[in-house]
Amino acid sequence: MKEYEIVKEVFNPCAGDQRPDTCEIIEKEVENPEAFVKEQYRQESHVEFLASEKDGSLIVEVLFDSGRKHRYTFTEL
């Protein structure tokens, strides 16, 4: 397992702003970042997962039907 700094940002479409409503930062050992995020939303029925990379960090976005978005940025420590 690798240790990551994980930044979780929550975006609300009603706010009309591009900035996240909330931001949480944790350090955690994770074997597979994408599987970690999907496990957090296993009870949700209509979500889409998008993964990309930026500046060496893995970004996993969780998109809800309502327009809400959660973004997880994994930076290896």
PDB file of N, CA and C in Angstrom:
ATOM      1  N   MET A   1       0.829  -1.190   0.000  1.00  0.00           N
ATOM      2  CA  MET A   1       0.000   0.000   0.000  1.00  0.00           C
ATOM      3  C   MET A   1       0.867   1.245   0.000  1.00  0.00           C
ATOM      4  N   LYS A   2       0.327   2.287  -0.577  1.00  0.00           N
ATOM      5  CA  LYS A   2       1.011   3.570  -0.599  1.00  0.00           C
ATOM      6  C   LYS A   2       0.263   4.548   0.294  1.00  0.00           C
ATOM      7  N   GLU A   3       1.001   5.509   0.816  1.00  0.00           N
ATOM      8  CA  GLU A   3       0.382   6.534   1.650  1.00  0.00           C
ATOM      9  C   GLU A   3       0.118   7.770   0.794  1.00  0.00           C
ATOM     10  N   TYR A   4      -1.090   8.310   0.938  1.00  0.00           N
ATOM     11  CA  TYR A   4      -1.511   9.458   0.140  1.00  0.00           C
ATOM     12  C   TYR A   4      -2.021  10.584   1.030  1.00  0.00           C
ATOM     13  N   GLU A   5      -1.856  11.789   0.539  1.00  0.00           N
ATOM     14  CA  GLU A   5      -2.625  12.913   1.040  1.00  0.00           C
ATOM     15  C   GLU A   5      -3.852  12.951   0.134  1.00  0.00           C
ATOM     16  N   ILE A   6      -5.023  12.891   0.740  1.00  0.00           N
ATOM     17  CA  ILE A   6      -6.264  12.863  -0.031  1.00  0.00           C
ATOM     18  C   ILE A   6      -7.024  14.150   0.257  1.00  0.00           C
ATOM     19  N   VAL A   7      -7.307  14.894  -0.800  1.00  0.00           N
ATOM     20  CA  VAL A   7      -8.093  16.112  -0.674  1.00  0.00           C
ATOM     21  C   VAL A   7      -9.469  15.816  -1.255  1.00  0.00           C
ATOM     22  N   LYS A   8     -10.500  15.928  -0.407  1.00  0.00           N
ATOM     23  CA  LYS A   8     -11.883  15.712  -0.861  1.00  0.00           C
ATOM     24  C   LYS A   8     -12.586  17.059  -0.916  1.00  0.00           C
ATOM     25  N   GLU A   9     -13.058  17.407  -2.110  1.00  0.00           N
ATOM     26  CA  GLU A   9     -13.784  18.659  -2.312  1.00  0.00           C
ATOM     27  C   GLU A   9     -15.218  18.332  -2.714  1.00  0.00           C
ATOM     28  N   VAL A  10     -16.167  19.066  -2.154  1.00  0.00           N
ATOM     29  CA  VAL A  10     -17.581  18.866  -2.474  1.00  0.00           C
ATOM     30  C   VAL A  10     -18.097  20.133  -3.148  1.00  0.00           C
ATOM     31  N   PHE A  11     -18.661  19.953  -4.343  1.00  0.00           N
ATOM     32  CA  PHE A  11     -19.193  21.068  -5.119  1.00  0.00           C
ATOM     33  C   PHE A  11     -20.712  20.957  -5.185  1.00  0.00           C
ATOM     34  N   ASN A  12     -21.399  22.067  -4.935  1.00  0.00           N
ATOM     35  CA  ASN A  12     -22.851  22.108  -4.985  1.00  0.00           C
ATOM     36  C   ASN A  12     -23.264  22.966  -6.181  1.00  0.00           C
ATOM     37  N   PRO A  13     -24.050  22.421  -7.117  1.00  0.00           N
ATOM     38  CA  PRO A  13     -24.393  23.181  -8.313  1.00  0.00           C
ATOM     39  C   PRO A  13     -25.259  24.404  -8.026  1.00  0.00           C
ATOM     40  N   CYS A  14     -25.978  24.411  -6.926  1.00  0.00           N
ATOM     41  CA  CYS A  14     -26.865  25.526  -6.594  1.00  0.00           C
ATOM     42  C   CYS A  14     -26.098  26.771  -6.156  1.00  0.00           C
ATOM     43  N   ALA A  15     -24.874  26.592  -5.741  1.00  0.00           N
ATOM     44  CA  ALA A  15     -24.089  27.724  -5.259  1.00  0.00           C
ATOM     45  C   ALA A  15     -23.717  28.680  -6.387  1.00  0.00           C
ATOM     46  N   GLY A  16     -23.678  28.197  -7.633  1.00  0.00           N
ATOM     47  CA  GLY A  16     -23.329  29.042  -8.765  1.00  0.00           C
ATOM     48  C   GLY A  16     -21.887  29.492  -8.745  1.00  0.00           C
ATOM     49  N   ASP A  17     -21.054  28.759  -8.049  1.00  0.00           N
ATOM     50  CA  ASP A  17     -19.646  29.119  -7.884  1.00  0.00           C
ATOM     51  C   ASP A  17     -18.793  27.925  -8.284  1.00  0.00           C
ATOM     52  N   GLN A  18     -17.618  28.165  -8.784  1.00  0.00           N
ATOM     53  CA  GLN A  18     -16.725  27.086  -9.195  1.00  0.00           C
ATOM     54  C   GLN A  18     -15.872  26.575  -8.040  1.00  0.00           C
ATOM     55  N   ARG A  19     -15.914  27.256  -6.895  1.00  0.00           N
ATOM     56  CA  ARG A  19     -15.138  26.833  -5.734  1.00  0.00           C
ATOM     57  C   ARG A  19     -15.896  25.767  -4.953  1.00  0.00           C
ATOM     58  N   PRO A  20     -15.173  24.871  -4.294  1.00  0.00           N
ATOM     59  CA  PRO A  20     -15.856  23.829  -3.510  1.00  0.00           C
ATOM     60  C   PRO A  20     -16.546  24.416  -2.283  1.00  0.00           C
ATOM     61  N   ASP A  21     -17.666  23.785  -1.895  1.00  0.00           N
ATOM     62  CA  ASP A  21     -18.372  24.190  -0.677  1.00  0.00           C
ATOM     63  C   ASP A  21     -17.618  23.731   0.560  1.00  0.00           C
ATOM     64  N   THR A  22     -17.063  22.533   0.494  1.00  0.00           N
ATOM     65  CA  THR A  22     -16.282  22.008   1.610  1.00  0.00           C
ATOM     66  C   THR A  22     -15.011  21.357   1.080  1.00  0.00           C
ATOM     67  N   CYS A  23     -14.008  21.326   1.926  1.00  0.00           N
ATOM     68  CA  CYS A  23     -12.734  20.705   1.569  1.00  0.00           C
ATOM     69  C   CYS A  23     -12.193  20.001   2.807  1.00  0.00           C
ATOM     70  N   GLU A  24     -11.829  18.729   2.636  1.00  0.00           N
ATOM     71  CA  GLU A  24     -11.296  17.929   3.736  1.00  0.00           C
ATOM     72  C   GLU A  24      -9.979  17.317   3.276  1.00  0.00           C
ATOM     73  N   ILE A  25      -8.977  17.316   4.140  1.00  0.00           N
ATOM     74  CA  ILE A  25      -7.667  16.747   3.812  1.00  0.00           C
ATOM     75  C   ILE A  25      -7.336  15.673   4.833  1.00  0.00           C
ATOM     76  N   ILE A  26      -7.002  14.477   4.325  1.00  0.00           N
ATOM     77  CA  ILE A  26      -6.608  13.379   5.210  1.00  0.00           C
ATOM     78  C   ILE A  26      -5.373  12.691   4.637  1.00  0.00           C
ATOM     79  N   GLU A  27      -4.640  11.993   5.494  1.00  0.00           N
ATOM     80  CA  GLU A  27      -3.537  11.144   5.067  1.00  0.00           C
ATOM     81  C   GLU A  27      -3.957   9.715   5.342  1.00  0.00           C
ATOM     82  N   LYS A  28      -3.809   8.841   4.346  1.00  0.00           N
ATOM     83  CA  LYS A  28      -4.283   7.474   4.488  1.00  0.00           C
ATOM     84  C   LYS A  28      -3.495   6.546   3.579  1.00  0.00           C
ATOM     85  N   GLU A  29      -3.289   5.307   4.059  1.00  0.00           N
ATOM     86  CA  GLU A  29      -2.703   4.273   3.208  1.00  0.00           C
ATOM     87  C   GLU A  29      -3.822   3.634   2.401  1.00  0.00           C
ATOM     88  N   VAL A  30      -3.622   3.587   1.092  1.00  0.00           N
ATOM     89  CA  VAL A  30      -4.638   3.065   0.183  1.00  0.00           C
ATOM     90  C   VAL A  30      -3.953   2.175  -0.837  1.00  0.00           C
ATOM     91  N   GLU A  31      -4.548   1.032  -1.111  1.00  0.00           N
ATOM     92  CA  GLU A  31      -3.986   0.133  -2.105  1.00  0.00           C
ATOM     93  C   GLU A  31      -4.344   0.583  -3.520  1.00  0.00           C
ATOM     94  N   ASN A  32      -5.620   0.936  -3.715  1.00  0.00           N
ATOM     95  CA  ASN A  32      -6.104   1.334  -5.036  1.00  0.00           C
ATOM     96  C   ASN A  32      -7.005   2.559  -4.853  1.00  0.00           C
ATOM     97  N   PRO A  33      -6.540   3.755  -5.210  1.00  0.00           N
ATOM     98  CA  PRO A  33      -7.332   4.966  -4.988  1.00  0.00           C
ATOM     99  C   PRO A  33      -8.720   4.946  -5.645  1.00  0.00           C
ATOM    100  N   GLU A  34      -8.813   4.465  -6.885  1.00  0.00           N
ATOM    101  CA  GLU A  34     -10.109   4.434  -7.554  1.00  0.00           C
ATOM    102  C   GLU A  34     -11.077   3.504  -6.837  1.00  0.00           C
ATOM    103  N   ALA A  35     -10.610   2.339  -6.420  1.00  0.00           N
ATOM    104  CA  ALA A  35     -11.453   1.398  -5.683  1.00  0.00           C
ATOM    105  C   ALA A  35     -11.853   1.988  -4.328  1.00  0.00           C
ATOM    106  N   PHE A  36     -10.952   2.729  -3.701  1.00  0.00           N
ATOM    107  CA  PHE A  36     -11.251   3.383  -2.426  1.00  0.00           C
ATOM    108  C   PHE A  36     -12.429   4.340  -2.580  1.00  0.00           C
ATOM    109  N   VAL A  37     -12.408   5.161  -3.624  1.00  0.00           N
ATOM    110  CA  VAL A  37     -13.493   6.128  -3.846  1.00  0.00           C
ATOM    111  C   VAL A  37     -14.800   5.392  -4.152  1.00  0.00           C
ATOM    112  N   LYS A  38     -14.752   4.404  -5.036  1.00  0.00           N
ATOM    113  CA  LYS A  38     -15.961   3.663  -5.398  1.00  0.00           C
ATOM    114  C   LYS A  38     -16.580   2.989  -4.182  1.00  0.00           C
ATOM    115  N   GLU A  39     -15.762   2.525  -3.263  1.00  0.00           N
ATOM    116  CA  GLU A  39     -16.261   1.886  -2.044  1.00  0.00           C
ATOM    117  C   GLU A  39     -17.049   2.883  -1.180  1.00  0.00           C
ATOM    118  N   GLN A  40     -16.638   4.159  -1.203  1.00  0.00           N
ATOM    119  CA  GLN A  40     -17.326   5.181  -0.424  1.00  0.00           C
ATOM    120  C   GLN A  40     -18.762   5.409  -0.909  1.00  0.00           C
ATOM    121  N   TYR A  41     -19.036   5.073  -2.171  1.00  0.00           N
ATOM    122  CA  TYR A  41     -20.334   5.360  -2.792  1.00  0.00           C
ATOM    123  C   TYR A  41     -21.052   4.090  -3.252  1.00  0.00           C
ATOM    124  N   ARG A  42     -20.736   2.967  -2.643  1.00  0.00           N
ATOM    125  CA  ARG A  42     -21.319   1.699  -3.083  1.00  0.00           C
ATOM    126  C   ARG A  42     -22.836   1.644  -2.907  1.00  0.00           C
ATOM    127  N   GLN A  43     -23.392   2.460  -2.003  1.00  0.00           N
ATOM    128  CA  GLN A  43     -24.840   2.488  -1.762  1.00  0.00           C
ATOM    129  C   GLN A  43     -25.582   3.425  -2.729  1.00  0.00           C
ATOM    130  N   GLU A  44     -24.839   4.241  -3.450  1.00  0.00           N
ATOM    131  CA  GLU A  44     -25.450   5.193  -4.395  1.00  0.00           C
ATOM    132  C   GLU A  44     -25.789   4.469  -5.698  1.00  0.00           C
ATOM    133  N   SER A  45     -26.965   4.752  -6.230  1.00  0.00           N
ATOM    134  CA  SER A  45     -27.395   4.020  -7.428  1.00  0.00           C
ATOM    135  C   SER A  45     -27.042   4.730  -8.738  1.00  0.00           C
ATOM    136  N   HIS A  46     -27.013   6.053  -8.752  1.00  0.00           N
ATOM    137  CA  HIS A  46     -26.775   6.765 -10.005  1.00  0.00           C
ATOM    138  C   HIS A  46     -25.604   7.734  -9.876  1.00  0.00           C
ATOM    139  N   VAL A  47     -24.416   7.183  -9.890  1.00  0.00           N
ATOM    140  CA  VAL A  47     -23.221   8.024  -9.853  1.00  0.00           C
ATOM    141  C   VAL A  47     -22.278   7.600 -10.974  1.00  0.00           C
ATOM    142  N   GLU A  48     -21.489   8.543 -11.427  1.00  0.00           N
ATOM    143  CA  GLU A  48     -20.501   8.280 -12.474  1.00  0.00           C
ATOM    144  C   GLU A  48     -19.134   8.642 -11.909  1.00  0.00           C
ATOM    145  N   PHE A  49     -18.135   7.842 -12.228  1.00  0.00           N
ATOM    146  CA  PHE A  49     -16.774   8.059 -11.745  1.00  0.00           C
ATOM    147  C   PHE A  49     -15.875   8.423 -12.919  1.00  0.00           C
ATOM    148  N   LEU A  50     -15.119   9.489 -12.772  1.00  0.00           N
ATOM    149  CA  LEU A  50     -14.164   9.909 -13.796  1.00  0.00           C
ATOM    150  C   LEU A  50     -12.791  10.019 -13.156  1.00  0.00           C
ATOM    151  N   ALA A  51     -11.788   9.448 -13.780  1.00  0.00           N
ATOM    152  CA  ALA A  51     -10.421   9.509 -13.256  1.00  0.00           C
ATOM    153  C   ALA A  51      -9.518  10.219 -14.258  1.00  0.00           C
ATOM    154  N   SER A  52      -8.613  11.025 -13.738  1.00  0.00           N
ATOM    155  CA  SER A  52      -7.636  11.716 -14.580  1.00  0.00           C
ATOM    156  C   SER A  52      -6.395  11.973 -13.740  1.00  0.00           C
ATOM    157  N   GLU A  53      -5.362  12.496 -14.388  1.00  0.00           N
ATOM    158  CA  GLU A  53      -4.124  12.843 -13.685  1.00  0.00           C
ATOM    159  C   GLU A  53      -3.783  14.288 -13.966  1.00  0.00           C
ATOM    160  N   LYS A  54      -3.228  14.941 -12.940  1.00  0.00           N
ATOM    161  CA  LYS A  54      -2.757  16.310 -13.121  1.00  0.00           C
ATOM    162  C   LYS A  54      -1.572  16.535 -12.201  1.00  0.00           C
ATOM    163  N   ASP A  55      -0.474  16.957 -12.763  1.00  0.00           N
ATOM    164  CA  ASP A  55       0.747  17.258 -11.991  1.00  0.00           C
ATOM    165  C   ASP A  55       1.183  16.082 -11.119  1.00  0.00           C
ATOM    166  N   GLY A  56       1.020  14.856 -11.607  1.00  0.00           N
ATOM    167  CA  GLY A  56       1.453  13.670 -10.880  1.00  0.00           C
ATOM    168  C   GLY A  56       0.481  13.177  -9.825  1.00  0.00           C
ATOM    169  N   SER A  57      -0.660  13.836  -9.685  1.00  0.00           N
ATOM    170  CA  SER A  57      -1.678  13.413  -8.725  1.00  0.00           C
ATOM    171  C   SER A  57      -2.843  12.774  -9.465  1.00  0.00           C
ATOM    172  N   LEU A  58      -3.442  11.769  -8.855  1.00  0.00           N
ATOM    173  CA  LEU A  58      -4.627  11.122  -9.415  1.00  0.00           C
ATOM    174  C   LEU A  58      -5.851  11.864  -8.917  1.00  0.00           C
ATOM    175  N   ILE A  59      -6.759  12.194  -9.827  1.00  0.00           N
ATOM    176  CA  ILE A  59      -8.002  12.874  -9.484  1.00  0.00           C
ATOM    177  C   ILE A  59      -9.156  11.960  -9.854  1.00  0.00           C
ATOM    178  N   VAL A  60     -10.025  11.679  -8.885  1.00  0.00           N
ATOM    179  CA  VAL A  60     -11.220  10.874  -9.125  1.00  0.00           C
ATOM    180  C   VAL A  60     -12.414  11.748  -8.789  1.00  0.00           C
ATOM    181  N   GLU A  61     -13.287  11.953  -9.783  1.00  0.00           N
ATOM    182  CA  GLU A  61     -14.487  12.748  -9.571  1.00  0.00           C
ATOM    183  C   GLU A  61     -15.706  11.838  -9.521  1.00  0.00           C
ATOM    184  N   VAL A  62     -16.601  12.151  -8.607  1.00  0.00           N
ATOM    185  CA  VAL A  62     -17.851  11.421  -8.446  1.00  0.00           C
ATOM    186  C   VAL A  62     -18.957  12.388  -8.855  1.00  0.00           C
ATOM    187  N   LEU A  63     -19.680  12.035  -9.920  1.00  0.00           N
ATOM    188  CA  LEU A  63     -20.739  12.900 -10.436  1.00  0.00           C
ATOM    189  C   LEU A  63     -22.095  12.292 -10.122  1.00  0.00           C
ATOM    190  N   PHE A  64     -22.967  13.086  -9.519  1.00  0.00           N
ATOM    191  CA  PHE A  64     -24.311  12.646  -9.151  1.00  0.00           C
ATOM    192  C   PHE A  64     -25.315  13.178 -10.164  1.00  0.00           C
ATOM    193  N   ASP A  65     -26.455  12.497 -10.291  1.00  0.00           N
ATOM    194  CA  ASP A  65     -27.514  12.947 -11.198  1.00  0.00           C
ATOM    195  C   ASP A  65     -27.984  14.362 -10.863  1.00  0.00           C
ATOM    196  N   SER A  66     -27.940  14.723  -9.603  1.00  0.00           N
ATOM    197  CA  SER A  66     -28.419  16.035  -9.155  1.00  0.00           C
ATOM    198  C   SER A  66     -27.495  17.180  -9.577  1.00  0.00           C
ATOM    199  N   GLY A  67     -26.311  16.839 -10.106  1.00  0.00           N
ATOM    200  CA  GLY A  67     -25.350  17.856 -10.493  1.00  0.00           C
ATOM    201  C   GLY A  67     -24.260  18.074  -9.456  1.00  0.00           C
ATOM    202  N   ARG A  68     -24.443  17.479  -8.283  1.00  0.00           N
ATOM    203  CA  ARG A  68     -23.413  17.554  -7.253  1.00  0.00           C
ATOM    204  C   ARG A  68     -22.162  16.833  -7.729  1.00  0.00           C
ATOM    205  N   LYS A  69     -21.009  17.264  -7.232  1.00  0.00           N
ATOM    206  CA  LYS A  69     -19.742  16.631  -7.611  1.00  0.00           C
ATOM    207  C   LYS A  69     -18.835  16.563  -6.395  1.00  0.00           C
ATOM    208  N   HIS A  70     -18.203  15.416  -6.210  1.00  0.00           N
ATOM    209  CA  HIS A  70     -17.172  15.245  -5.188  1.00  0.00           C
ATOM    210  C   HIS A  70     -15.880  14.949  -5.928  1.00  0.00           C
ATOM    211  N   ARG A  71     -14.819  15.640  -5.565  1.00  0.00           N
ATOM    212  CA  ARG A  71     -13.520  15.434  -6.222  1.00  0.00           C
ATOM    213  C   ARG A  71     -12.506  14.983  -5.174  1.00  0.00           C
ATOM    214  N   TYR A  72     -11.840  13.866  -5.473  1.00  0.00           N
ATOM    215  CA  TYR A  72     -10.781  13.335  -4.614  1.00  0.00           C
ATOM    216  C   TYR A  72      -9.460  13.487  -5.359  1.00  0.00           C
ATOM    217  N   THR A  73      -8.488  14.126  -4.731  1.00  0.00           N
ATOM    218  CA  THR A  73      -7.160  14.268  -5.311  1.00  0.00           C
ATOM    219  C   THR A  73      -6.187  13.503  -4.434  1.00  0.00           C
ATOM    220  N   PHE A  74      -5.520  12.520  -5.039  1.00  0.00           N
ATOM    221  CA  PHE A  74      -4.575  11.651  -4.333  1.00  0.00           C
ATOM    222  C   PHE A  74      -3.160  12.057  -4.701  1.00  0.00           C
ATOM    223  N   THR A  75      -2.395  12.485  -3.715  1.00  0.00           N
ATOM    224  CA  THR A  75      -0.994  12.839  -3.912  1.00  0.00           C
ATOM    225  C   THR A  75      -0.161  11.907  -3.040  1.00  0.00           C
ATOM    226  N   GLU A  76       0.724  11.137  -3.684  1.00  0.00           N
ATOM    227  CA  GLU A  76       1.541  10.188  -2.941  1.00  0.00           C
ATOM    228  C   GLU A  76       2.521  10.919  -2.031  1.00  0.00           C
ATOM    229  N   LEU A  77       2.628  10.429  -0.794  1.00  0.00           N
ATOM    230  CA  LEU A  77       3.559  11.031   0.169  1.00  0.00           C
ATOM    231  C   LEU A  77       4.903  10.312   0.131  1.00  0.00           C
TER     232      LEU A  77
END
